[in-house]
Full PDB file with SEQRES, HELIX, SHEET, SSBOND, CRYST1, ORIGX, SCALE, CONECT and MASTER records, all heavy atoms in Angstrom:
SEQRES   1 A   33  ILE HIS THR ASN GLY ILE GLU ASN PHE TRP ILE LEU LEU          
SEQRES   2 A   33  LYS ARG SER ILE HIS GLY THR TYR VAL SER VAL GLU PRO          
SEQRES   3 A   33  PHE HIS LEU PHE ARG TYR LEU                                  
HELIX    1 AA1 ASN A    4  SER A   16  1                                  13    
HELIX    2 AA2 ILE A   17  TYR A   21  3                                   5    
HELIX    3 AA3 PRO A   26  HIS A   28  5                                   3    
HELIX    4 AA4 LEU A   29  TYR A   32  1                                   4    
CRYST1    1.000    1.000    1.000  90.00  90.00  90.00 P 1           1          
ORIGX1      1.000000  0.000000  0.000000        0.00000                         
ORIGX2      0.000000  1.000000  0.000000        0.00000                         
ORIGX3      0.000000  0.000000  1.000000        0.00000                         
SCALE1      1.000000  0.000000  0.000000        0.00000                         
SCALE2      0.000000  1.000000  0.000000        0.00000                         
SCALE3      0.000000  0.000000  1.000000        0.00000                         
ATOM      1  N   ILE A   1       0.835  -1.130   0.100  1.00  0.00           N  
ATOM      2  CA  ILE A   1      -0.059  -0.052   0.077  1.00  0.00           C  
ATOM      3  C   ILE A   1       0.871   1.306  -0.012  1.00  0.00           C  
ATOM      4  O   ILE A   1       1.618   1.576   0.988  1.00  0.00           O  
ATOM      5  CB  ILE A   1      -0.973  -0.044   1.195  1.00  0.00           C  
ATOM      6  CG1 ILE A   1      -1.784  -1.272   1.274  1.00  0.00           C  
ATOM      7  CG2 ILE A   1      -1.881   1.245   1.153  1.00  0.00           C  
ATOM      8  CD1 ILE A   1      -2.456  -1.524   2.515  1.00  0.00           C  
ATOM      9  N   HIS A   2       0.827   1.994  -1.141  1.00  0.00           N  
ATOM     10  CA  HIS A   2       1.588   3.225  -1.194  1.00  0.00           C  
ATOM     11  C   HIS A   2       0.951   4.166  -2.358  1.00  0.00           C  
ATOM     12  O   HIS A   2       0.145   3.637  -3.074  1.00  0.00           O  
ATOM     13  CB  HIS A   2       3.096   2.883  -1.550  1.00  0.00           C  
ATOM     14  CG  HIS A   2       3.199   2.078  -2.633  1.00  0.00           C  
ATOM     15  ND1 HIS A   2       3.185   2.495  -4.073  1.00  0.00           N  
ATOM     16  CD2 HIS A   2       3.536   0.695  -2.805  1.00  0.00           C  
ATOM     17  CE1 HIS A   2       3.307   1.583  -4.825  1.00  0.00           C  
ATOM     18  NE2 HIS A   2       3.548   0.491  -4.168  1.00  0.00           N  
ATOM     19  N   THR A   3       1.568   5.304  -2.558  1.00  0.00           N  
ATOM     20  CA  THR A   3       1.122   6.125  -3.535  1.00  0.00           C  
ATOM     21  C   THR A   3       2.226   6.439  -4.631  1.00  0.00           C  
ATOM     22  O   THR A   3       1.875   7.306  -5.455  1.00  0.00           O  
ATOM     23  CB  THR A   3       0.620   7.624  -2.850  1.00  0.00           C  
ATOM     24  OG1 THR A   3       1.776   8.098  -2.258  1.00  0.00           O  
ATOM     25  CG2 THR A   3      -0.564   7.372  -1.968  1.00  0.00           C  
ATOM     26  N   ASN A   4       3.153   5.663  -4.623  1.00  0.00           N  
ATOM     27  CA  ASN A   4       4.262   5.923  -5.521  1.00  0.00           C  
ATOM     28  C   ASN A   4       3.859   5.772  -7.050  1.00  0.00           C  
ATOM     29  O   ASN A   4       4.213   6.635  -7.798  1.00  0.00           O  
ATOM     30  CB  ASN A   4       5.382   4.872  -5.194  1.00  0.00           C  
ATOM     31  CG  ASN A   4       6.087   5.097  -4.024  1.00  0.00           C  
ATOM     32  OD1 ASN A   4       5.890   6.078  -3.418  1.00  0.00           O  
ATOM     33  ND2 ASN A   4       6.829   3.976  -3.504  1.00  0.00           N  
ATOM     34  N   GLY A   5       2.889   4.894  -7.376  1.00  0.00           N  
ATOM     35  CA  GLY A   5       2.565   4.700  -8.705  1.00  0.00           C  
ATOM     36  C   GLY A   5       1.884   5.858  -9.235  1.00  0.00           C  
ATOM     37  O   GLY A   5       2.237   6.469 -10.287  1.00  0.00           O  
ATOM     38  N   ILE A   6       0.809   6.519  -8.554  1.00  0.00           N  
ATOM     39  CA  ILE A   6       0.067   7.586  -9.049  1.00  0.00           C  
ATOM     40  C   ILE A   6       0.897   8.848  -9.021  1.00  0.00           C  
ATOM     41  O   ILE A   6       0.788   9.782  -9.888  1.00  0.00           O  
ATOM     42  CB  ILE A   6      -1.312   7.659  -8.190  1.00  0.00           C  
ATOM     43  CG1 ILE A   6      -2.281   8.626  -8.892  1.00  0.00           C  
ATOM     44  CG2 ILE A   6      -0.961   8.117  -6.802  1.00  0.00           C  
ATOM     45  CD1 ILE A   6      -2.641   8.235 -10.255  1.00  0.00           C  
ATOM     46  N   GLU A   7       1.755   9.054  -8.006  1.00  0.00           N  
ATOM     47  CA  GLU A   7       2.606  10.130  -8.011  1.00  0.00           C  
ATOM     48  C   GLU A   7       3.597  10.127  -9.201  1.00  0.00           C  
ATOM     49  O   GLU A   7       3.915  11.206  -9.753  1.00  0.00           O  
ATOM     50  CB  GLU A   7       3.411  10.185  -6.586  1.00  0.00           C  
ATOM     51  CG  GLU A   7       2.551  10.534  -5.392  1.00  0.00           C  
ATOM     52  CD  GLU A   7       3.221  10.404  -4.116  1.00  0.00           C  
ATOM     53  OE1 GLU A   7       4.438   9.990  -4.048  1.00  0.00           O  
ATOM     54  OE2 GLU A   7       2.619  10.787  -2.928  1.00  0.00           O  
ATOM     55  N   ASN A   8       4.001   8.938  -9.457  1.00  0.00           N  
ATOM     56  CA  ASN A   8       5.037   8.912 -10.632  1.00  0.00           C  
ATOM     57  C   ASN A   8       4.114   9.303 -11.912  1.00  0.00           C  
ATOM     58  O   ASN A   8       4.746  10.130 -12.788  1.00  0.00           O  
ATOM     59  CB  ASN A   8       5.409   7.413 -10.771  1.00  0.00           C  
ATOM     60  CG  ASN A   8       6.456   7.260 -11.904  1.00  0.00           C  
ATOM     61  OD1 ASN A   8       7.118   8.253 -12.413  1.00  0.00           O  
ATOM     62  ND2 ASN A   8       6.514   6.034 -12.380  1.00  0.00           N  
ATOM     63  N   PHE A   9       2.892   8.832 -12.080  1.00  0.00           N  
ATOM     64  CA  PHE A   9       2.121   9.262 -13.184  1.00  0.00           C  
ATOM     65  C   PHE A   9       1.888  10.633 -13.284  1.00  0.00           C  
ATOM     66  O   PHE A   9       2.144  11.320 -14.391  1.00  0.00           O  
ATOM     67  CB  PHE A   9       0.733   8.519 -13.053  1.00  0.00           C  
ATOM     68  CG  PHE A   9      -0.189   8.848 -14.220  1.00  0.00           C  
ATOM     69  CD1 PHE A   9      -0.213   8.117 -15.330  1.00  0.00           C  
ATOM     70  CD2 PHE A   9      -1.210   9.898 -14.032  1.00  0.00           C  
ATOM     71  CE1 PHE A   9      -1.073   8.515 -16.402  1.00  0.00           C  
ATOM     72  CE2 PHE A   9      -2.075  10.226 -15.008  1.00  0.00           C  
ATOM     73  CZ  PHE A   9      -1.942   9.509 -16.238  1.00  0.00           C  
ATOM     74  N   TRP A  10       1.552  11.341 -12.221  1.00  0.00           N  
ATOM     75  CA  TRP A  10       1.277  12.850 -12.365  1.00  0.00           C  
ATOM     76  C   TRP A  10       2.563  13.652 -12.601  1.00  0.00           C  
ATOM     77  O   TRP A  10       2.408  14.573 -13.326  1.00  0.00           O  
ATOM     78  CB  TRP A  10       0.590  13.204 -11.014  1.00  0.00           C  
ATOM     79  CG  TRP A  10      -0.784  12.789 -10.959  1.00  0.00           C  
ATOM     80  CD1 TRP A  10      -1.338  11.961 -10.008  1.00  0.00           C  
ATOM     81  CD2 TRP A  10      -1.824  13.036 -11.731  1.00  0.00           C  
ATOM     82  NE1 TRP A  10      -2.661  11.713 -10.250  1.00  0.00           N  
ATOM     83  CE2 TRP A  10      -3.013  12.284 -11.366  1.00  0.00           C  
ATOM     84  CE3 TRP A  10      -2.062  13.905 -12.991  1.00  0.00           C  
ATOM     85  CZ2 TRP A  10      -4.238  12.398 -12.064  1.00  0.00           C  
ATOM     86  CZ3 TRP A  10      -3.272  13.876 -13.642  1.00  0.00           C  
ATOM     87  CH2 TRP A  10      -4.281  13.212 -13.166  1.00  0.00           C  
ATOM     88  N   ILE A  11       3.681  13.209 -11.994  1.00  0.00           N  
ATOM     89  CA  ILE A  11       4.855  14.076 -12.310  1.00  0.00           C  
ATOM     90  C   ILE A  11       5.284  13.860 -13.658  1.00  0.00           C  
ATOM     91  O   ILE A  11       5.825  14.722 -14.417  1.00  0.00           O  
ATOM     92  CB  ILE A  11       6.076  13.692 -11.286  1.00  0.00           C  
ATOM     93  CG1 ILE A  11       7.187  14.723 -11.326  1.00  0.00           C  
ATOM     94  CG2 ILE A  11       6.722  12.389 -11.512  1.00  0.00           C  
ATOM     95  CD1 ILE A  11       6.741  16.049 -10.917  1.00  0.00           C  
ATOM     96  N   LEU A  12       5.056  12.702 -14.279  1.00  0.00           N  
ATOM     97  CA  LEU A  12       5.465  12.408 -15.719  1.00  0.00           C  
ATOM     98  C   LEU A  12       4.508  13.262 -16.751  1.00  0.00           C  
ATOM     99  O   LEU A  12       4.959  13.839 -17.574  1.00  0.00           O  
ATOM    100  CB  LEU A  12       5.467  10.933 -16.077  1.00  0.00           C  
ATOM    101  CG  LEU A  12       6.708  10.130 -15.445  1.00  0.00           C  
ATOM    102  CD1 LEU A  12       6.430   8.657 -15.809  1.00  0.00           C  
ATOM    103  CD2 LEU A  12       8.036  10.682 -16.047  1.00  0.00           C  
ATOM    104  N   LEU A  13       3.213  13.258 -16.251  1.00  0.00           N  
ATOM    105  CA  LEU A  13       2.283  14.049 -17.022  1.00  0.00           C  
ATOM    106  C   LEU A  13       2.583  15.604 -16.939  1.00  0.00           C  
ATOM    107  O   LEU A  13       2.701  16.272 -17.955  1.00  0.00           O  
ATOM    108  CB  LEU A  13       0.915  13.886 -16.387  1.00  0.00           C  
ATOM    109  CG  LEU A  13      -0.281  14.747 -17.163  1.00  0.00           C  
ATOM    110  CD1 LEU A  13      -0.235  14.303 -18.542  1.00  0.00           C  
ATOM    111  CD2 LEU A  13      -1.536  14.549 -16.437  1.00  0.00           C  
ATOM    112  N   LYS A  14       2.959  16.030 -15.750  1.00  0.00           N  
ATOM    113  CA  LYS A  14       3.404  17.460 -15.644  1.00  0.00           C  
ATOM    114  C   LYS A  14       4.626  17.849 -16.470  1.00  0.00           C  
ATOM    115  O   LYS A  14       4.613  18.801 -17.085  1.00  0.00           O  
ATOM    116  CB  LYS A  14       3.524  17.853 -14.154  1.00  0.00           C  
ATOM    117  CG  LYS A  14       2.433  17.880 -13.374  1.00  0.00           C  
ATOM    118  CD  LYS A  14       2.704  18.198 -11.923  1.00  0.00           C  
ATOM    119  CE  LYS A  14       1.561  18.161 -10.880  1.00  0.00           C  
ATOM    120  NZ  LYS A  14       1.974  18.410  -9.559  1.00  0.00           N  
ATOM    121  N   ARG A  15       5.411  17.005 -16.351  1.00  0.00           N  
ATOM    122  CA  ARG A  15       6.699  17.142 -17.150  1.00  0.00           C  
ATOM    123  C   ARG A  15       6.453  17.152 -18.637  1.00  0.00           C  
ATOM    124  O   ARG A  15       7.108  18.085 -19.519  1.00  0.00           O  
ATOM    125  CB  ARG A  15       7.840  16.000 -17.038  1.00  0.00           C  
ATOM    126  CG  ARG A  15       8.472  16.242 -15.567  1.00  0.00           C  
ATOM    127  CD  ARG A  15       9.523  15.081 -15.478  1.00  0.00           C  
ATOM    128  NE  ARG A  15      10.047  15.053 -14.132  1.00  0.00           N  
ATOM    129  CZ  ARG A  15      10.712  14.084 -13.564  1.00  0.00           C  
ATOM    130  NH1 ARG A  15      11.031  13.031 -14.231  1.00  0.00           N  
ATOM    131  NH2 ARG A  15      11.114  14.196 -12.379  1.00  0.00           N  
ATOM    132  N   SER A  16       5.689  16.351 -19.172  1.00  0.00           N  
ATOM    133  CA  SER A  16       5.303  16.263 -20.684  1.00  0.00           C  
ATOM    134  C   SER A  16       4.523  17.501 -21.076  1.00  0.00           C  
ATOM    135  O   SER A  16       4.762  18.075 -22.091  1.00  0.00           O  
ATOM    136  CB  SER A  16       4.604  15.026 -21.121  1.00  0.00           C  
ATOM    137  OG  SER A  16       3.216  15.056 -20.511  1.00  0.00           O  
ATOM    138  N   ILE A  17       3.495  18.038 -20.114  1.00  0.00           N  
ATOM    139  CA  ILE A  17       2.841  19.203 -20.416  1.00  0.00           C  
ATOM    140  C   ILE A  17       3.791  20.462 -20.505  1.00  0.00           C  
ATOM    141  O   ILE A  17       3.611  21.216 -21.414  1.00  0.00           O  
ATOM    142  CB  ILE A  17       1.690  19.436 -19.561  1.00  0.00           C  
ATOM    143  CG1 ILE A  17       0.584  18.328 -19.790  1.00  0.00           C  
ATOM    144  CG2 ILE A  17       1.047  20.722 -19.580  1.00  0.00           C  
ATOM    145  CD1 ILE A  17      -0.581  18.329 -18.853  1.00  0.00           C  
ATOM    146  N   HIS A  18       4.588  20.626 -19.623  1.00  0.00           N  
ATOM    147  CA  HIS A  18       5.502  21.786 -19.361  1.00  0.00           C  
ATOM    148  C   HIS A  18       6.763  21.564 -20.380  1.00  0.00           C  
ATOM    149  O   HIS A  18       7.194  22.651 -20.905  1.00  0.00           O  
ATOM    150  CB  HIS A  18       5.964  21.959 -18.016  1.00  0.00           C  
ATOM    151  CG  HIS A  18       4.841  22.197 -17.029  1.00  0.00           C  
ATOM    152  ND1 HIS A  18       4.103  23.472 -17.125  1.00  0.00           N  
ATOM    153  CD2 HIS A  18       4.347  21.673 -16.028  1.00  0.00           C  
ATOM    154  CE1 HIS A  18       3.252  23.520 -16.171  1.00  0.00           C  
ATOM    155  NE2 HIS A  18       3.346  22.481 -15.491  1.00  0.00           N  
ATOM    156  N   GLY A  19       7.012  20.453 -20.857  1.00  0.00           N  
ATOM    157  CA  GLY A  19       8.271  20.273 -21.519  1.00  0.00           C  
ATOM    158  C   GLY A  19       7.910  20.078 -22.999  1.00  0.00           C  
ATOM    159  O   GLY A  19       8.335  20.863 -23.905  1.00  0.00           O  
ATOM    160  N   THR A  20       7.136  18.992 -23.346  1.00  0.00           N  
ATOM    161  CA  THR A  20       6.978  18.520 -24.620  1.00  0.00           C  
ATOM    162  C   THR A  20       5.910  19.363 -25.250  1.00  0.00           C  
ATOM    163  O   THR A  20       5.962  19.902 -26.447  1.00  0.00           O  
ATOM    164  CB  THR A  20       6.611  16.969 -24.639  1.00  0.00           C  
ATOM    165  OG1 THR A  20       7.677  16.313 -24.032  1.00  0.00           O  
ATOM    166  CG2 THR A  20       6.363  16.560 -26.076  1.00  0.00           C  
ATOM    167  N   TYR A  21       4.815  19.483 -24.606  1.00  0.00           N  
ATOM    168  CA  TYR A  21       3.609  20.017 -25.257  1.00  0.00           C  
ATOM    169  C   TYR A  21       3.492  21.628 -24.893  1.00  0.00           C  
ATOM    170  O   TYR A  21       2.890  22.288 -25.765  1.00  0.00           O  
ATOM    171  CB  TYR A  21       2.270  19.436 -24.712  1.00  0.00           C  
ATOM    172  CG  TYR A  21       2.284  18.029 -25.082  1.00  0.00           C  
ATOM    173  CD1 TYR A  21       2.277  16.976 -24.044  1.00  0.00           C  
ATOM    174  CD2 TYR A  21       2.243  17.532 -26.224  1.00  0.00           C  
ATOM    175  CE1 TYR A  21       2.192  15.676 -24.263  1.00  0.00           C  
ATOM    176  CE2 TYR A  21       2.359  16.164 -26.581  1.00  0.00           C  
ATOM    177  CZ  TYR A  21       2.125  15.153 -25.549  1.00  0.00           C  
ATOM    178  OH  TYR A  21       2.269  13.908 -25.819  1.00  0.00           O  
ATOM    179  N   VAL A  22       4.115  22.071 -23.937  1.00  0.00           N  
ATOM    180  CA  VAL A  22       4.219  23.573 -23.577  1.00  0.00           C  
ATOM    181  C   VAL A  22       2.806  24.080 -23.290  1.00  0.00           C  
ATOM    182  O   VAL A  22       2.625  24.865 -22.123  1.00  0.00           O  
ATOM    183  CB  VAL A  22       4.945  24.312 -24.693  1.00  0.00           C  
ATOM    184  CG1 VAL A  22       5.096  25.704 -24.276  1.00  0.00           C  
ATOM    185  CG2 VAL A  22       6.294  23.790 -24.934  1.00  0.00           C  
ATOM    186  N   SER A  23       1.877  23.943 -24.002  1.00  0.00           N  
ATOM    187  CA  SER A  23       0.489  24.454 -23.777  1.00  0.00           C  
ATOM    188  C   SER A  23      -0.522  23.486 -24.126  1.00  0.00           C  
ATOM    189  O   SER A  23      -0.397  22.766 -25.197  1.00  0.00           O  
ATOM    190  CB  SER A  23       0.281  25.777 -24.734  1.00  0.00           C  
ATOM    191  OG  SER A  23      -0.983  26.130 -24.485  1.00  0.00           O  
ATOM    192  N   VAL A  24      -1.574  23.280 -23.373  1.00  0.00           N  
ATOM    193  CA  VAL A  24      -2.601  22.368 -23.539  1.00  0.00           C  
ATOM    194  C   VAL A  24      -3.902  23.057 -23.504  1.00  0.00           C  
ATOM    195  O   VAL A  24      -4.154  23.749 -22.551  1.00  0.00           O  
ATOM    196  CB  VAL A  24      -2.607  21.261 -22.444  1.00  0.00           C  
ATOM    197  CG1 VAL A  24      -3.727  20.278 -22.636  1.00  0.00           C  
ATOM    198  CG2 VAL A  24      -1.187  20.438 -22.585  1.00  0.00           C  
ATOM    199  N   GLU A  25      -4.649  22.988 -24.654  1.00  0.00           N  
ATOM    200  CA  GLU A  25      -6.098  23.600 -24.667  1.00  0.00           C  
ATOM    201  C   GLU A  25      -7.054  22.642 -23.850  1.00  0.00           C  
ATOM    202  O   GLU A  25      -6.956  21.490 -23.967  1.00  0.00           O  
ATOM    203  CB  GLU A  25      -6.547  23.629 -26.122  1.00  0.00           C  
ATOM    204  CG  GLU A  25      -5.708  24.622 -26.950  1.00  0.00           C  
ATOM    205  CD  GLU A  25      -5.949  26.100 -26.367  1.00  0.00           C  
ATOM    206  OE1 GLU A  25      -6.921  26.467 -25.919  1.00  0.00           O  
ATOM    207  OE2 GLU A  25      -4.948  26.824 -26.534  1.00  0.00           O  
ATOM    208  N   PRO A  26      -7.957  23.244 -23.084  1.00  0.00           N  
ATOM    209  CA  PRO A  26      -8.810  22.335 -22.313  1.00  0.00           C  
ATOM    210  C   PRO A  26      -9.669  21.494 -23.111  1.00  0.00           C  
ATOM    211  O   PRO A  26      -9.886  20.438 -22.741  1.00  0.00           O  
ATOM    212  CB  PRO A  26      -9.773  23.523 -21.640  1.00  0.00           C  
ATOM    213  CG  PRO A  26      -8.880  24.722 -21.442  1.00  0.00           C  
ATOM    214  CD  PRO A  26      -7.969  24.602 -22.729  1.00  0.00           C  
ATOM    215  N   PHE A  27     -10.078  21.974 -24.298  1.00  0.00           N  
ATOM    216  CA  PHE A  27     -10.821  21.047 -25.197  1.00  0.00           C  
ATOM    217  C   PHE A  27     -10.120  19.679 -25.475  1.00  0.00           C  
ATOM    218  O   PHE A  27     -10.705  18.738 -25.719  1.00  0.00           O  
ATOM    219  CB  PHE A  27     -11.178  21.772 -26.552  1.00  0.00           C  
ATOM    220  CG  PHE A  27     -11.844  20.989 -27.599  1.00  0.00           C  
ATOM    221  CD1 PHE A  27     -13.239  20.773 -27.397  1.00  0.00           C  
ATOM    222  CD2 PHE A  27     -11.186  20.438 -28.609  1.00  0.00           C  
ATOM    223  CE1 PHE A  27     -13.934  19.953 -28.398  1.00  0.00           C  
ATOM    224  CE2 PHE A  27     -11.783  19.665 -29.500  1.00  0.00           C  
ATOM    225  CZ  PHE A  27     -13.252  19.305 -29.377  1.00  0.00           C  
ATOM    226  N   HIS A  28      -8.736  19.810 -25.618  1.00  0.00           N  
ATOM    227  CA  HIS A  28      -7.982  18.578 -25.902  1.00  0.00           C  
ATOM    228  C   HIS A  28      -7.454  17.812 -24.732  1.00  0.00           C  
ATOM    229  O   HIS A  28      -6.747  16.935 -24.876  1.00  0.00           O  
ATOM    230  CB  HIS A  28      -6.771  18.948 -26.849  1.00  0.00           C  
ATOM    231  CG  HIS A  28      -7.245  19.616 -28.144  1.00  0.00           C  
ATOM    232  ND1 HIS A  28      -8.039  18.856 -29.076  1.00  0.00           N  
ATOM    233  CD2 HIS A  28      -7.214  20.847 -28.680  1.00  0.00           C  
ATOM    234  CE1 HIS A  28      -8.230  19.549 -30.124  1.00  0.00           C  
ATOM    235  NE2 HIS A  28      -7.809  20.775 -30.003  1.00  0.00           N  
ATOM    236  N   LEU A  29      -7.708  18.380 -23.456  1.00  0.00           N  
ATOM    237  CA  LEU A  29      -7.102  17.830 -22.337  1.00  0.00           C  
ATOM    238  C   LEU A  29      -7.253  16.322 -22.221  1.00  0.00           C  
ATOM    239  O   LEU A  29      -6.331  15.498 -21.967  1.00  0.00           O  
ATOM    240  CB  LEU A  29      -7.530  18.446 -21.017  1.00  0.00           C  
ATOM    241  CG  LEU A  29      -6.935  18.019 -19.750  1.00  0.00           C  
ATOM    242  CD1 LEU A  29      -5.389  18.168 -19.825  1.00  0.00           C  
ATOM    243  CD2 LEU A  29      -7.436  18.734 -18.566  1.00  0.00           C  
ATOM    244  N   PHE A  30      -8.445  15.751 -22.515  1.00  0.00           N  
ATOM    245  CA  PHE A  30      -8.755  14.402 -22.324  1.00  0.00           C  
ATOM    246  C   PHE A  30      -7.915  13.452 -23.254  1.00  0.00           C  
ATOM    247  O   PHE A  30      -7.570  12.395 -23.016  1.00  0.00           O  
ATOM    248  CB  PHE A  30     -10.265  14.045 -22.491  1.00  0.00           C  
ATOM    249  CG  PHE A  30     -10.803  14.141 -23.969  1.00  0.00           C  
ATOM    250  CD1 PHE A  30     -10.845  13.113 -24.803  1.00  0.00           C  
ATOM    251  CD2 PHE A  30     -11.060  15.390 -24.544  1.00  0.00           C  
ATOM    252  CE1 PHE A  30     -11.385  13.090 -26.066  1.00  0.00           C  
ATOM    253  CE2 PHE A  30     -11.596  15.493 -25.785  1.00  0.00           C  
ATOM    254  CZ  PHE A  30     -11.688  14.421 -26.537  1.00  0.00           C  
ATOM    255  N   ARG A  31      -7.506  14.148 -24.465  1.00  0.00           N  
ATOM    256  CA  ARG A  31      -6.654  13.498 -25.383  1.00  0.00           C  
ATOM    257  C   ARG A  31      -5.356  13.276 -24.865  1.00  0.00           C  
ATOM    258  O   ARG A  31      -4.655  12.323 -25.107  1.00  0.00           O  
ATOM    259  CB  ARG A  31      -6.578  14.207 -26.843  1.00  0.00           C  
ATOM    260  CG  ARG A  31      -8.048  14.043 -27.453  1.00  0.00           C  
ATOM    261  CD  ARG A  31      -7.934  14.713 -28.823  1.00  0.00           C  
ATOM    262  NE  ARG A  31      -9.209  14.544 -29.612  1.00  0.00           N  
ATOM    263  CZ  ARG A  31     -10.199  15.428 -29.662  1.00  0.00           C  
ATOM    264  NH1 ARG A  31     -10.135  16.607 -29.095  1.00  0.00           N  
ATOM    265  NH2 ARG A  31     -11.315  15.181 -30.240  1.00  0.00           N  
ATOM    266  N   TYR A  32      -4.694  14.401 -24.268  1.00  0.00           N  
ATOM    267  CA  TYR A  32      -3.331  14.316 -23.641  1.00  0.00           C  
ATOM    268  C   TYR A  32      -3.437  13.320 -22.599  1.00  0.00           C  
ATOM    269  O   TYR A  32      -2.443  12.583 -22.383  1.00  0.00           O  
ATOM    270  CB  TYR A  32      -2.958  15.657 -23.222  1.00  0.00           C  
ATOM    271  CG  TYR A  32      -2.637  16.807 -24.278  1.00  0.00           C  
ATOM    272  CD1 TYR A  32      -3.553  17.594 -24.639  1.00  0.00           C  
ATOM    273  CD2 TYR A  32      -1.320  16.735 -24.768  1.00  0.00           C  
ATOM    274  CE1 TYR A  32      -3.285  18.686 -25.708  1.00  0.00           C  
ATOM    275  CE2 TYR A  32      -1.082  17.616 -25.846  1.00  0.00           C  
ATOM    276  CZ  TYR A  32      -1.936  18.575 -26.120  1.00  0.00           C  
ATOM    277  OH  TYR A  32      -1.673  19.444 -27.253  1.00  0.00           O  
ATOM    278  N   LEU A  33      -4.425  13.329 -21.776  1.00  0.00           N  
ATOM    279  CA  LEU A  33      -4.540  12.382 -20.729  1.00  0.00           C  
ATOM    280  C   LEU A  33      -4.616  10.895 -21.164  1.00  0.00           C  
ATOM    281  O   LEU A  33      -3.891   9.950 -20.645  1.00  0.00           O  
ATOM    282  CB  LEU A  33      -5.742  12.630 -19.744  1.00  0.00           C  
ATOM    283  CG  LEU A  33      -5.548  13.812 -19.015  1.00  0.00           C  
ATOM    284  CD1 LEU A  33      -6.894  14.175 -18.356  1.00  0.00           C  
ATOM    285  CD2 LEU A  33      -4.439  13.691 -17.964  1.00  0.00           C  
TER     286      LEU A  33                                                      
MASTER        0    0    0    4    0    0    0    6  285    1    0    3          
END                                                                             
């Protein structure tokens, strides 16, 4: 029982949004997810 998996998921998502994609439109957010 731990939160490491979900914390890993969210930090990788944040890095991809700020690094690879730079800007994400709300209309497309579900696609990025």
